[in-house]
Protein backbone atom coordinates (compact mmCIF):
# COMPACT_ATOMS: atom_id res chain seq x y z
CA MET A 1 16.99 -49.37 46.65
CA GLU A 2 16.34 -45.72 46.66
CA GLU A 3 14.69 -44.13 43.73
CA GLN A 4 16.87 -41.48 42.28
CA LYS A 5 15.21 -38.36 41.04
CA GLN A 6 16.29 -37.89 37.47
CA THR A 7 16.89 -34.38 36.30
CA PRO A 8 16.78 -33.59 32.64
CA PRO A 9 20.16 -32.92 31.10
CA PRO A 10 21.06 -29.25 30.79
CA ILE A 11 20.84 -29.46 27.00
CA ILE A 12 17.06 -30.11 27.24
CA ASP A 13 16.58 -26.96 29.29
CA GLN A 14 18.65 -24.98 26.81
CA LEU A 15 16.63 -26.32 23.90
CA LYS A 16 13.37 -25.40 25.61
CA GLU A 17 14.67 -21.90 26.31
CA TYR A 18 15.87 -21.61 22.71
CA ALA A 19 12.45 -22.67 21.38
CA GLU A 20 10.67 -20.15 23.61
CA THR A 21 13.05 -17.42 22.49
CA GLN A 22 12.45 -18.29 18.84
CA ILE A 23 8.68 -18.15 19.35
CA LYS A 24 8.96 -14.73 21.02
CA LEU A 25 11.22 -13.53 18.22
CA ALA A 26 8.71 -14.71 15.58
CA LYS A 27 5.90 -12.89 17.39
CA TYR A 28 7.92 -9.68 17.61
CA GLU A 29 8.89 -9.89 13.95
CA ALA A 30 5.24 -10.40 12.97
CA ILE A 31 4.22 -7.40 15.05
CA ASP A 32 7.02 -5.32 13.52
CA ARG A 33 6.11 -6.28 9.95
CA SER A 34 2.39 -5.74 10.42
CA SER A 35 2.87 -2.37 12.11
CA LYS A 36 5.24 -1.22 9.35
CA PHE A 37 2.79 -2.38 6.69
CA LEU A 38 -0.18 -0.71 8.38
CA SER A 39 1.63 2.59 8.94
CA SER A 40 2.91 2.57 5.37
CA PHE A 41 -0.61 1.82 4.11
CA ILE A 42 -2.09 4.71 6.12
CA VAL A 43 0.55 7.13 4.82
CA ASP A 44 -0.06 5.95 1.25
CA VAL A 45 -3.82 6.46 1.64
CA VAL A 46 -3.32 9.99 2.97
CA ILE A 47 -0.98 10.79 0.07
CA ALA A 48 -3.47 9.32 -2.42
CA VAL A 49 -6.31 11.40 -0.98
CA ALA A 50 -4.15 14.53 -1.20
CA PHE A 51 -3.34 13.78 -4.84
CA VAL A 52 -6.99 13.10 -5.67
CA LEU A 53 -8.08 16.38 -4.11
CA THR A 54 -5.29 18.25 -5.90
CA PHE A 55 -6.29 16.62 -9.19
CA LEU A 56 -9.94 17.47 -8.62
CA PHE A 57 -9.34 21.15 -7.92
CA LEU A 58 -6.83 21.48 -10.75
CA SER A 59 -9.38 19.89 -13.08
CA LEU A 60 -12.00 22.40 -12.01
CA ALA A 61 -9.53 25.25 -12.51
CA VAL A 62 -8.61 24.05 -16.00
CA ALA A 63 -12.29 23.59 -16.86
CA PHE A 64 -13.05 27.16 -15.82
CA VAL A 65 -10.05 28.48 -17.76
CA LEU A 66 -11.19 26.57 -20.85
CA SER A 67 -14.69 27.95 -20.29
CA ILE A 68 -13.34 31.48 -20.32
CA TRP A 69 -11.24 30.84 -23.46
CA LEU A 70 -14.08 29.11 -25.30
CA GLY A 71 -16.75 31.51 -24.13
CA SER A 72 -19.13 28.99 -22.53
CA TYR A 73 -19.16 26.74 -19.51
CA TRP A 74 -20.46 23.70 -21.32
CA ALA A 75 -17.61 23.87 -23.85
CA GLY A 76 -14.92 24.17 -21.16
CA PHE A 77 -16.28 21.35 -19.03
CA GLY A 78 -17.00 19.32 -22.17
CA CYS A 79 -13.34 19.61 -23.19
CA MET A 80 -12.31 18.39 -19.73
CA ALA A 81 -14.70 15.45 -20.07
CA GLY A 82 -13.11 14.68 -23.44
CA ILE A 83 -9.64 14.80 -21.89
CA TYR A 84 -10.77 12.36 -19.17
CA LEU A 85 -12.30 10.10 -21.79
CA LEU A 86 -9.02 10.09 -23.70
CA ILE A 87 -7.08 9.27 -20.51
CA ALA A 88 -9.52 6.44 -19.70
CA ILE A 89 -9.13 4.94 -23.18
CA ILE A 90 -5.32 5.09 -22.92
CA ILE A 91 -5.44 3.40 -19.51
CA ILE A 92 -7.79 0.68 -20.79
CA LEU A 93 -5.48 -0.02 -23.74
CA ALA A 94 -2.35 -0.08 -21.53
CA LYS A 95 -3.98 -1.93 -18.63
CA ASP A 96 -1.64 -4.94 -18.70
CA LYS A 97 1.48 -2.76 -18.87
CA ILE A 98 0.26 -0.69 -15.92
CA GLN A 99 -1.17 -3.48 -13.78
CA LYS A 100 1.89 -5.76 -13.51
CA PRO A 101 4.28 -3.12 -12.09
CA MET A 102 1.62 -2.05 -9.61
CA VAL A 103 1.09 -5.63 -8.40
CA ASP A 104 4.87 -6.06 -8.10
CA ALA A 105 5.15 -2.85 -6.09
CA PHE A 106 2.37 -3.92 -3.70
CA ILE A 107 3.96 -7.33 -3.18
CA LYS A 108 7.38 -5.76 -2.60
CA LYS A 109 5.91 -3.31 -0.09
CA PHE A 110 4.08 -6.11 1.75
CA PHE A 111 7.20 -8.26 2.12
CA GLN A 112 9.57 -5.42 3.10
């Protein structure tokens, strides 16, 4: 008797090809998501730095204006320090109300 060479049914080949395609698709989706997240993160950092610098220079400008109005530098900069202290106290008191929406926004951005 001759041994017959058995070939796998065509469905097996199609399933293997399908599995390979799904793996490639998963890799490409992971690359796409991570690149979108990273680029979005970099843009957000640049925007945050721009806002911080703007805030810093506006704070200095307001402190100098208050110094002129009050007649002394220590009074103008002291008023700005008081304003920052007031803002810090408000943020500390409202921490829970501020923190939850921020966490939700970060999670939403990560899973976009």
